[in-house]
C-alpha atoms as a PDB file:
ATOM      1  CA  MET A   1     -59.292 -35.837  78.550  1.00  0.00           C
ATOM      2  CA  ILE A   2     -59.589 -32.069  79.029  1.00  0.00           C
ATOM      3  CA  VAL A   3     -57.767 -30.254  76.207  1.00  0.00           C
ATOM      4  CA  ALA A   4     -57.386 -26.478  76.085  1.00  0.00           C
ATOM      5  CA  GLY A   5     -55.003 -23.951  74.595  1.00  0.00           C
ATOM      6  CA  ALA A   6     -54.557 -20.274  73.820  1.00  0.00           C
ATOM      7  CA  GLY A   7     -52.138 -18.079  71.930  1.00  0.00           C
ATOM      8  CA  VAL A   8     -51.743 -14.304  72.050  1.00  0.00           C
ATOM      9  CA  GLN A   9     -49.737 -11.773  70.092  1.00  0.00           C
ATOM     10  CA  GLY A  10     -46.661 -10.488  71.914  1.00  0.00           C
ATOM     11  CA  THR A  11     -46.444  -6.823  72.821  1.00  0.00           C
ATOM     12  CA  ALA A  12     -43.277  -6.321  70.764  1.00  0.00           C
ATOM     13  CA  HIS A  13     -44.912  -7.923  67.731  1.00  0.00           C
ATOM     14  CA  LEU A  14     -47.987  -5.778  68.253  1.00  0.00           C
ATOM     15  CA  ALA A  15     -45.877  -2.607  68.409  1.00  0.00           C
ATOM     16  CA  ALA A  16     -44.022  -3.614  65.244  1.00  0.00           C
ATOM     17  CA  GLY A  17     -47.215  -4.426  63.365  1.00  0.00           C
ATOM     18  CA  LEU A  18     -46.432  -8.132  63.197  1.00  0.00           C
ATOM     19  CA  GLY A  19     -49.072 -10.823  63.564  1.00  0.00           C
ATOM     20  CA  CYS A  20     -48.789 -13.750  65.953  1.00  0.00           C
ATOM     21  CA  GLN A  21     -46.152 -16.154  64.666  1.00  0.00           C
ATOM     22  CA  ASP A  22     -47.055 -19.010  67.021  1.00  0.00           C
ATOM     23  CA  ALA A  23     -49.451 -21.835  66.192  1.00  0.00           C
ATOM     24  CA  PHE A  24     -51.022 -24.658  68.144  1.00  0.00           C
ATOM     25  CA  ARG A  25     -53.239 -27.627  67.387  1.00  0.00           C
ATOM     26  CA  ALA A  26     -54.663 -30.525  69.384  1.00  0.00           C
ATOM     27  CA  VAL A  27     -56.480 -33.737  68.546  1.00  0.00           C
ATOM     28  CA  ASP A  28     -58.653 -35.310  71.244  1.00  0.00           C
ATOM     29  CA  LEU A  29     -59.043 -39.050  70.677  1.00  0.00           C
ATOM     30  CA  GLY A  30     -60.936 -39.723  73.890  1.00  0.00           C
ATOM     31  CA  ASP A  31     -58.443 -41.708  75.951  1.00  0.00           C
ATOM     32  CA  THR A  32     -55.542 -40.058  74.095  1.00  0.00           C
ATOM     33  CA  ALA A  33     -54.622 -36.493  73.151  1.00  0.00           C
ATOM     34  CA  VAL A  34     -52.079 -35.237  70.636  1.00  0.00           C
ATOM     35  CA  LEU A  35     -50.701 -31.752  71.279  1.00  0.00           C
ATOM     36  CA  ALA A  36     -48.449 -29.539  69.153  1.00  0.00           C
ATOM     37  CA  VAL A  37     -47.169 -25.976  69.548  1.00  0.00           C
ATOM     38  CA  ALA A  38     -44.869 -24.170  67.140  1.00  0.00           C
ATOM     39  CA  ASP A  39     -42.973 -20.891  67.341  1.00  0.00           C
ATOM     40  CA  GLY A  40     -42.210 -19.170  64.062  1.00  0.00           C
ATOM     41  CA  ALA A  41     -38.835 -17.439  63.833  1.00  0.00           C
ATOM     42  CA  GLY A  42     -39.469 -13.771  64.580  1.00  0.00           C
ATOM     43  CA  SER A  43     -37.068 -12.538  61.907  1.00  0.00           C
ATOM     44  CA  ARG A  44     -38.853 -14.352  59.076  1.00  0.00           C
ATOM     45  CA  GLU A  45     -41.960 -12.782  57.567  1.00  0.00           C
ATOM     46  CA  ARG A  46     -43.570 -16.110  56.643  1.00  0.00           C
ATOM     47  CA  SER A  47     -42.695 -17.992  59.809  1.00  0.00           C
ATOM     48  CA  ALA A  48     -46.340 -17.939  60.954  1.00  0.00           C
ATOM     49  CA  LEU A  49     -47.169 -20.137  57.959  1.00  0.00           C
ATOM     50  CA  GLY A  50     -44.236 -22.367  58.848  1.00  0.00           C
ATOM     51  CA  ALA A  51     -45.585 -22.739  62.389  1.00  0.00           C
ATOM     52  CA  HIS A  52     -48.999 -23.803  61.081  1.00  0.00           C
ATOM     53  CA  ILE A  53     -47.392 -26.295  58.707  1.00  0.00           C
ATOM     54  CA  ALA A  54     -45.441 -27.719  61.662  1.00  0.00           C
ATOM     55  CA  VAL A  55     -48.416 -28.311  63.985  1.00  0.00           C
ATOM     56  CA  ASP A  56     -50.501 -29.756  61.155  1.00  0.00           C
ATOM     57  CA  ALA A  57     -47.743 -32.206  60.232  1.00  0.00           C
ATOM     58  CA  ALA A  58     -47.195 -33.216  63.853  1.00  0.00           C
ATOM     59  CA  CYS A  59     -50.856 -33.830  64.641  1.00  0.00           C
ATOM     60  CA  ARG A  60     -51.445 -35.753  61.441  1.00  0.00           C
ATOM     61  CA  LEU A  61     -48.511 -38.121  61.899  1.00  0.00           C
ATOM     62  CA  LEU A  62     -48.708 -38.538  65.665  1.00  0.00           C
ATOM     63  CA  THR A  63     -52.304 -39.736  65.564  1.00  0.00           C
ATOM     64  CA  GLU A  64     -51.336 -42.734  63.416  1.00  0.00           C
ATOM     65  CA  GLU A  65     -50.540 -46.190  64.819  1.00  0.00           C
ATOM     66  CA  ILE A  66     -50.115 -45.022  68.413  1.00  0.00           C
ATOM     67  CA  PRO A  67     -48.938 -47.934  70.586  1.00  0.00           C
ATOM     68  CA  ARG A  68     -51.326 -49.300  73.172  1.00  0.00           C
ATOM     69  CA  ALA A  69     -50.896 -48.279  76.790  1.00  0.00           C
ATOM     70  CA  GLN A  70     -49.867 -51.861  77.598  1.00  0.00           C
ATOM     71  CA  GLU A  71     -46.995 -51.896  75.102  1.00  0.00           C
ATOM     72  CA  ALA A  72     -43.378 -52.236  76.250  1.00  0.00           C
ATOM     73  CA  PRO A  73     -41.128 -49.179  76.617  1.00  0.00           C
ATOM     74  CA  GLU A  74     -39.070 -50.283  73.618  1.00  0.00           C
ATOM     75  CA  THR A  75     -42.165 -50.161  71.423  1.00  0.00           C
ATOM     76  CA  TRP A  76     -42.993 -46.616  72.503  1.00  0.00           C
ATOM     77  CA  THR A  77     -39.391 -45.463  72.106  1.00  0.00           C
ATOM     78  CA  ARG A  78     -39.069 -46.862  68.588  1.00  0.00           C
ATOM     79  CA  TRP A  79     -42.437 -45.480  67.550  1.00  0.00           C
ATOM     80  CA  ILE A  80     -41.826 -41.905  68.685  1.00  0.00           C
ATOM     81  CA  ALA A  81     -38.281 -41.886  67.278  1.00  0.00           C
ATOM     82  CA  GLY A  82     -39.593 -42.874  63.862  1.00  0.00           C
ATOM     83  CA  ARG A  83     -42.504 -40.445  64.057  1.00  0.00           C
ATOM     84  CA  GLY A  84     -40.210 -37.584  65.060  1.00  0.00           C
ATOM     85  CA  VAL A  85     -38.131 -37.983  61.929  1.00  0.00           C
ATOM     86  CA  ARG A  86     -41.268 -38.256  59.799  1.00  0.00           C
ATOM     87  CA  VAL A  87     -42.679 -35.053  61.286  1.00  0.00           C
ATOM     88  CA  VAL A  88     -39.556 -33.149  60.253  1.00  0.00           C
ATOM     89  CA  GLU A  89     -39.604 -34.720  56.789  1.00  0.00           C
ATOM     90  CA  GLU A  90     -43.296 -33.914  56.312  1.00  0.00           C
ATOM     91  CA  TYR A  91     -42.791 -30.319  57.423  1.00  0.00           C
ATOM     92  CA  ARG A  92     -39.918 -29.906  54.953  1.00  0.00           C
ATOM     93  CA  ARG A  93     -41.895 -31.531  52.131  1.00  0.00           C
ATOM     94  CA  ALA A  94     -44.864 -29.229  52.720  1.00  0.00           C
ATOM     95  CA  ALA A  95     -42.655 -26.147  53.092  1.00  0.00           C
ATOM     96  CA  GLU A  96     -40.776 -26.965  49.897  1.00  0.00           C
ATOM     97  CA  GLY A  97     -44.107 -27.371  48.127  1.00  0.00           C
ATOM     98  CA  VAL A  98     -45.260 -23.924  49.238  1.00  0.00           C
ATOM     99  CA  LEU A  99     -41.992 -22.251  48.306  1.00  0.00           C
ATOM    100  CA  GLY A 100     -41.772 -24.161  45.031  1.00  0.00           C
ATOM    101  CA  ALA A 101     -45.197 -22.865  44.056  1.00  0.00           C
ATOM    102  CA  ASP A 102     -44.036 -19.345  44.913  1.00  0.00           C
ATOM    103  CA  SER A 103     -40.970 -19.775  42.698  1.00  0.00           C
ATOM    104  CA  ARG A 104     -43.113 -20.933  39.798  1.00  0.00           C
ATOM    105  CA  ASP A 105     -45.418 -17.965  40.266  1.00  0.00           C
ATOM    106  CA  ALA A 106     -42.412 -15.651  40.208  1.00  0.00           C
ATOM    107  CA  GLY A 107     -41.654 -16.812  36.680  1.00  0.00           C
ATOM    108  CA  PRO A 108     -38.452 -17.909  34.855  1.00  0.00           C
ATOM    109  CA  GLY A 109     -35.205 -16.858  36.420  1.00  0.00           C
ATOM    110  CA  ALA A 110     -36.484 -16.850  40.001  1.00  0.00           C
ATOM    111  CA  GLY A 111     -33.870 -17.904  42.539  1.00  0.00           C
ATOM    112  CA  PRO A 112     -34.032 -21.114  44.584  1.00  0.00           C
ATOM    113  CA  ALA A 113     -36.520 -21.183  47.424  1.00  0.00           C
ATOM    114  CA  ASP A 114     -35.149 -20.497  50.928  1.00  0.00           C
ATOM    115  CA  LEU A 115     -36.656 -23.015  53.341  1.00  0.00           C
ATOM    116  CA  GLY A 116     -35.636 -20.751  56.191  1.00  0.00           C
ATOM    117  CA  ALA A 117     -38.396 -18.330  55.195  1.00  0.00           C
ATOM    118  CA  LEU A 118     -40.789 -20.725  56.977  1.00  0.00           C
ATOM    119  CA  ALA A 119     -38.519 -21.412  59.960  1.00  0.00           C
ATOM    120  CA  ALA A 120     -40.290 -22.660  63.092  1.00  0.00           C
ATOM    121  CA  ALA A 121     -39.584 -24.526  66.318  1.00  0.00           C
ATOM    122  CA  LEU A 122     -41.888 -27.347  67.433  1.00  0.00           C
ATOM    123  CA  ALA A 123     -42.851 -29.283  70.544  1.00  0.00           C
ATOM    124  CA  ALA A 124     -45.437 -32.058  70.349  1.00  0.00           C
ATOM    125  CA  ALA A 125     -46.709 -34.696  72.742  1.00  0.00           C
ATOM    126  CA  VAL A 126     -48.855 -37.822  72.585  1.00  0.00           C
ATOM    127  CA  VAL A 127     -50.671 -38.276  75.893  1.00  0.00           C
ATOM    128  CA  ARG A 128     -51.952 -41.816  76.424  1.00  0.00           C
ATOM    129  CA  PRO A 129     -51.836 -42.482  80.181  1.00  0.00           C
ATOM    130  CA  PRO A 130     -49.603 -43.663  81.692  1.00  0.00           C
ATOM    131  CA  TRP A 131     -47.430 -42.779  78.694  1.00  0.00           C
ATOM    132  CA  VAL A 132     -46.388 -39.437  77.238  1.00  0.00           C
ATOM    133  CA  ALA A 133     -44.251 -39.345  74.089  1.00  0.00           C
ATOM    134  CA  PHE A 134     -42.478 -36.116  73.115  1.00  0.00           C
ATOM    135  CA  VAL A 135     -41.078 -34.680  69.874  1.00  0.00           C
ATOM    136  CA  SER A 136     -39.064 -31.469  69.932  1.00  0.00           C
ATOM    137  CA  VAL A 137     -37.054 -29.322  67.548  1.00  0.00           C
ATOM    138  CA  GLY A 138     -36.015 -25.927  68.889  1.00  0.00           C
ATOM    139  CA  ASP A 139     -36.784 -24.015  72.060  1.00  0.00           C
ATOM    140  CA  CYS A 140     -40.417 -24.760  72.937  1.00  0.00           C
ATOM    141  CA  PHE A 141     -40.755 -26.533  76.284  1.00  0.00           C
ATOM    142  CA  GLY A 142     -42.958 -29.040  78.077  1.00  0.00           C
ATOM    143  CA  THR A 143     -44.092 -29.693  81.640  1.00  0.00           C
ATOM    144  CA  LEU A 144     -45.527 -32.865  83.142  1.00  0.00           C
ATOM    145  CA  LEU A 145     -48.137 -32.641  85.906  1.00  0.00           C
ATOM    146  CA  THR A 146     -48.580 -35.439  88.429  1.00  0.00           C
ATOM    147  CA  HIS A 147     -50.625 -36.007  91.557  1.00  0.00           C
ATOM    148  CA  GLU A 148     -49.427 -37.607  94.760  1.00  0.00           C
ATOM    149  CA  ASP A 149     -51.971 -40.398  94.893  1.00  0.00           C
ATOM    150  CA  PRO A 150     -51.548 -42.961  92.076  1.00  0.00           C
ATOM    151  CA  ALA A 151     -53.371 -45.538  94.199  1.00  0.00           C
ATOM    152  CA  GLY A 152     -56.542 -43.438  94.170  1.00  0.00           C
ATOM    153  CA  THR A 153     -57.041 -42.987  97.907  1.00  0.00           C
ATOM    154  CA  VAL A 154     -57.829 -39.235  97.906  1.00  0.00           C
ATOM    155  CA  SER A 155     -60.554 -37.189  96.239  1.00  0.00           C
ATOM    156  CA  ASP A 156     -60.203 -35.359  92.914  1.00  0.00           C
ATOM    157  CA  ASP A 157     -60.252 -31.992  94.740  1.00  0.00           C
ATOM    158  CA  GLU A 158     -57.347 -33.097  96.907  1.00  0.00           C
ATOM    159  CA  LYS A 159     -55.452 -34.283  93.829  1.00  0.00           C
ATOM    160  CA  CYS A 160     -55.819 -30.836  92.239  1.00  0.00           C
ATOM    161  CA  ALA A 161     -54.406 -29.260  95.392  1.00  0.00           C
ATOM    162  CA  ARG A 162     -51.452 -31.673  95.375  1.00  0.00           C
ATOM    163  CA  VAL A 163     -50.406 -31.265  91.742  1.00  0.00           C
ATOM    164  CA  ARG A 164     -46.657 -31.489  91.138  1.00  0.00           C
ATOM    165  CA  CYS A 165     -44.837 -30.003  88.145  1.00  0.00           C
ATOM    166  CA  HIS A 166     -41.883 -31.521  86.296  1.00  0.00           C
ATOM    167  CA  LEU A 167     -40.042 -29.652  83.518  1.00  0.00           C
ATOM    168  CA  VAL A 168     -39.278 -32.708  81.403  1.00  0.00           C
ATOM    169  CA  LEU A 169     -38.613 -30.745  78.202  1.00  0.00           C
ATOM    170  CA  PRO A 170     -36.699 -27.617  79.291  1.00  0.00           C
ATOM    171  CA  PRO A 171     -35.820 -24.634  77.081  1.00  0.00           C
ATOM    172  CA  PRO A 172     -32.139 -24.211  76.165  1.00  0.00           C
ATOM    173  CA  PRO A 173     -30.070 -22.669  78.987  1.00  0.00           C
ATOM    174  CA  PRO A 174     -28.604 -19.170  78.594  1.00  0.00           C
ATOM    175  CA  GLY A 175     -25.456 -19.209  76.520  1.00  0.00           C
ATOM    176  CA  ALA A 176     -26.281 -22.517  74.847  1.00  0.00           C
ATOM    177  CA  PRO A 177     -25.792 -22.842  71.072  1.00  0.00           C
ATOM    178  CA  ARG A 178     -28.728 -21.581  69.072  1.00  0.00           C
ATOM    179  CA  PRO A 179     -31.294 -24.390  68.810  1.00  0.00           C
ATOM    180  CA  PRO A 180     -32.286 -25.623  65.359  1.00  0.00           C
ATOM    181  CA  PHE A 181     -35.470 -24.916  63.468  1.00  0.00           C
ATOM    182  CA  LEU A 182     -37.374 -27.523  61.490  1.00  0.00           C
ATOM    183  CA  SER A 183     -35.952 -25.852  58.385  1.00  0.00           C
ATOM    184  CA  SER A 184     -32.332 -26.051  59.601  1.00  0.00           C
ATOM    185  CA  PRO A 185     -29.899 -28.284  57.706  1.00  0.00           C
ATOM    186  CA  GLY A 186     -29.756 -31.699  59.330  1.00  0.00           C
ATOM    187  CA  ALA A 187     -32.921 -31.113  61.353  1.00  0.00           C
ATOM    188  CA  THR A 188     -33.872 -34.797  61.061  1.00  0.00           C
ATOM    189  CA  LEU A 189     -30.656 -35.619  62.954  1.00  0.00           C
ATOM    190  CA  ARG A 190     -31.319 -33.019  65.645  1.00  0.00           C
ATOM    191  CA  VAL A 191     -34.928 -33.858  66.503  1.00  0.00           C
ATOM    192  CA  ARG A 192     -35.357 -34.918  70.142  1.00  0.00           C
ATOM    193  CA  THR A 193     -37.742 -37.718  71.042  1.00  0.00           C
ATOM    194  CA  PHE A 194     -38.350 -39.469  74.349  1.00  0.00           C
ATOM    195  CA  VAL A 195     -41.102 -41.148  76.343  1.00  0.00           C
ATOM    196  CA  VAL A 196     -42.216 -40.886  79.962  1.00  0.00           C
ATOM    197  CA  TRP A 197     -44.104 -43.607  81.851  1.00  0.00           C
ATOM    198  CA  GLU A 198     -45.926 -42.054  84.785  1.00  0.00           C
ATOM    199  CA  PRO A 199     -48.765 -43.857  86.616  1.00  0.00           C
ATOM    200  CA  ALA A 200     -49.552 -40.648  88.554  1.00  0.00           C
ATOM    201  CA  LEU A 201     -49.944 -38.610  85.348  1.00  0.00           C
ATOM    202  CA  SER A 202     -52.291 -35.664  85.768  1.00  0.00           C
ATOM    203  CA  GLY A 203     -51.547 -33.573  82.681  1.00  0.00           C
ATOM    204  CA  VAL A 204     -49.108 -32.263  80.083  1.00  0.00           C
ATOM    205  CA  VAL A 205     -48.493 -28.610  79.187  1.00  0.00           C
ATOM    206  CA  LEU A 206     -46.582 -27.387  76.124  1.00  0.00           C
ATOM    207  CA  ALA A 207     -45.514 -23.764  75.651  1.00  0.00           C
ATOM    208  CA  THR A 208     -43.552 -21.580  73.269  1.00  0.00           C
ATOM    209  CA  ASP A 209     -40.422 -19.871  74.567  1.00  0.00           C
ATOM    210  CA  GLY A 210     -42.164 -16.517  74.999  1.00  0.00           C
ATOM    211  CA  CYS A 211     -43.947 -18.029  78.009  1.00  0.00           C
ATOM    212  CA  ALA A 212     -40.765 -18.795  79.944  1.00  0.00           C
ATOM    213  CA  ALA A 213     -40.864 -15.664  82.116  1.00  0.00           C
ATOM    214  CA  LEU A 214     -44.493 -16.330  83.027  1.00  0.00           C
ATOM    215  CA  THR A 215     -44.354 -20.066  83.646  1.00  0.00           C
ATOM    216  CA  LEU A 216     -40.826 -20.801  84.890  1.00  0.00           C
ATOM    217  CA  ASP A 217     -39.117 -19.793  88.139  1.00  0.00           C
ATOM    218  CA  HIS A 218     -35.458 -19.039  88.717  1.00  0.00           C
ATOM    219  CA  PRO A 219     -33.946 -21.726  90.975  1.00  0.00           C
ATOM    220  CA  SER A 220     -33.264 -19.089  93.649  1.00  0.00           C
ATOM    221  CA  VAL A 221     -37.025 -19.039  94.310  1.00  0.00           C
ATOM    222  CA  ARG A 222     -36.540 -22.453  95.937  1.00  0.00           C
ATOM    223  CA  GLU A 223     -33.142 -21.595  97.388  1.00  0.00           C
ATOM    224  CA  LEU A 224     -31.290 -23.638  94.772  1.00  0.00           C
ATOM    225  CA  ARG A 225     -28.097 -22.791  92.914  1.00  0.00           C
ATOM    226  CA  PRO A 226     -28.344 -21.350  89.378  1.00  0.00           C
ATOM    227  CA  GLU A 227     -26.988 -24.614  87.955  1.00  0.00           C
ATOM    228  CA  ALA A 228     -30.299 -26.259  88.854  1.00  0.00           C
ATOM    229  CA  GLY A 229     -31.813 -24.466  85.880  1.00  0.00           C
ATOM    230  CA  PRO A 230     -35.336 -23.116  85.473  1.00  0.00           C
ATOM    231  CA  LEU A 231     -38.142 -24.710  87.453  1.00  0.00           C
ATOM    232  CA  PRO A 232     -41.847 -24.866  86.602  1.00  0.00           C
ATOM    233  CA  ALA A 233     -43.868 -22.266  88.513  1.00  0.00           C
ATOM    234  CA  GLU A 234     -46.214 -24.422  90.584  1.00  0.00           C
ATOM    235  CA  ARG A 235     -48.623 -21.536  91.132  1.00  0.00           C
ATOM    236  CA  PHE A 236     -49.059 -21.094  87.373  1.00  0.00           C
ATOM    237  CA  PHE A 237     -49.449 -24.767  86.490  1.00  0.00           C
ATOM    238  CA  GLY A 238     -51.462 -25.709  89.555  1.00  0.00           C
ATOM    239  CA  GLY A 239     -53.780 -22.751  89.022  1.00  0.00           C
ATOM    240  CA  LEU A 240     -54.149 -23.555  85.335  1.00  0.00           C
ATOM    241  CA  ALA A 241     -55.047 -27.187  86.037  1.00  0.00           C
ATOM    242  CA  ALA A 242     -57.531 -26.270  88.756  1.00  0.00           C
ATOM    243  CA  THR A 243     -59.224 -23.625  86.583  1.00  0.00           C
ATOM    244  CA  LEU A 244     -59.610 -25.862  83.546  1.00  0.00           C
ATOM    245  CA  ARG A 245     -60.894 -28.765  85.613  1.00  0.00           C
ATOM    246  CA  GLY A 246     -63.359 -26.442  87.277  1.00  0.00           C
ATOM    247  CA  ASN A 247     -64.752 -24.938  84.064  1.00  0.00           C
ATOM    248  CA  GLY A 248     -64.648 -28.065  81.900  1.00  0.00           C
ATOM    249  CA  GLY A 249     -61.810 -26.888  79.658  1.00  0.00           C
ATOM    250  CA  ASP A 250     -62.897 -23.350  78.791  1.00  0.00           C
ATOM    251  CA  ALA A 251     -59.686 -21.688  77.569  1.00  0.00           C
ATOM    252  CA  GLU A 252     -60.838 -18.092  78.026  1.00  0.00           C
ATOM    253  CA  PRO A 253     -59.221 -17.691  81.495  1.00  0.00           C
ATOM    254  CA  LEU A 254     -55.953 -18.953  80.007  1.00  0.00           C
ATOM    255  CA  ARG A 255     -56.196 -16.444  77.157  1.00  0.00           C
ATOM    256  CA  ALA A 256     -56.893 -13.665  79.668  1.00  0.00           C
ATOM    257  CA  LEU A 257     -53.865 -14.714  81.721  1.00  0.00           C
ATOM    258  CA  LEU A 258     -51.566 -14.661  78.691  1.00  0.00           C
ATOM    259  CA  SER A 259     -52.946 -11.245  77.714  1.00  0.00           C
ATOM    260  CA  GLY A 260     -52.735  -9.753  81.205  1.00  0.00           C
ATOM    261  CA  PRO A 261     -50.133  -7.459  82.770  1.00  0.00           C
ATOM    262  CA  GLY A 262     -48.299 -10.394  84.314  1.00  0.00           C
ATOM    263  CA  ALA A 263     -47.386 -11.622  80.839  1.00  0.00           C
ATOM    264  CA  ALA A 264     -46.034  -8.245  79.717  1.00  0.00           C
ATOM    265  CA  ARG A 265     -42.560  -9.219  80.917  1.00  0.00           C
ATOM    266  CA  THR A 266     -41.896 -10.586  77.434  1.00  0.00           C
ATOM    267  CA  GLY A 267     -42.582  -8.994  74.078  1.00  0.00           C
ATOM    268  CA  ASP A 268     -42.767 -12.352  72.315  1.00  0.00           C
ATOM    269  CA  ASP A 269     -45.903 -14.240  71.323  1.00  0.00           C
ATOM    270  CA  LEU A 270     -47.224 -16.549  74.048  1.00  0.00           C
ATOM    271  CA  THR A 271     -48.872 -19.921  73.455  1.00  0.00           C
ATOM    272  CA  VAL A 272     -49.844 -22.582  75.999  1.00  0.00           C
ATOM    273  CA  LEU A 273     -51.555 -25.888  75.187  1.00  0.00           C
ATOM    274  CA  CYS A 274     -52.440 -28.608  77.676  1.00  0.00           C
ATOM    275  CA  ALA A 275     -54.159 -31.935  78.153  1.00  0.00           C
ATOM    276  CA  LEU A 276     -55.434 -32.921  81.592  1.00  0.00           C
ATOM    277  CA  VAL A 277     -56.287 -36.502  82.491  1.00  0.00           C
ATOM    278  CA  GLU A 278     -59.875 -36.505  83.740  1.00  0.00           C
ATOM    279  CA  GLY A 279     -59.997 -37.637  87.349  1.00  0.00           C
ATOM    280  CA  GLY A 280     -56.200 -37.553  87.468  1.00  0.00           C
END
């Protein structure tokens, strides 16, 4: 498995003197990878800490008791549903612990801790081919990469050239209700979990919402109606996959891309994390 990621400070955050409020973490288990990206709420000063708490909780819990690749769909569905709730609960427990310690340090009479101070959105994925299991709270998004030759009749170079992109975890559409954060009331009831079985799996890419302008196309690019919603930019994802396969997973070109003029269309922080199936 080739695992690589990068995060850069958004231009608006840089101008305002704010640090990067995104976080990402990955665990490479050999035949399996666990990915997590989190986007701290820009209006909260301590949201960067909340984002780090989120990816730590996700990676810790999603590496435990992963079903085997041969397991039935029902097993995978039950497992990720249970893990999704536990990720939210663990985030809230850790956040309450941090804020509780702050309240004690503030001395007698300090007001109750506001969990929203650590507000963050999260997207996480467990990649164990041919399965991918997703957990999501908020507006981060995820793209599945496949090749056209599950039977293995073409070369690896040809597979890279034929990569296909599928936006399986889209960001909220314009005008949709504001998505929840992990700190939102009832977040355990609003966590989204699902699994994908894909024998032609080539990779998985997670991104924070600041990357939407860089990585997603308007449907008009493919002569589709606006109702079709955003579509993954095949040039971005195909180029990313080809570059990382060619350099063995060196993330520096990805960091340069996120820092370049093409990414200046958004002032938000940008974070991209991916796992590519070797030979896939």
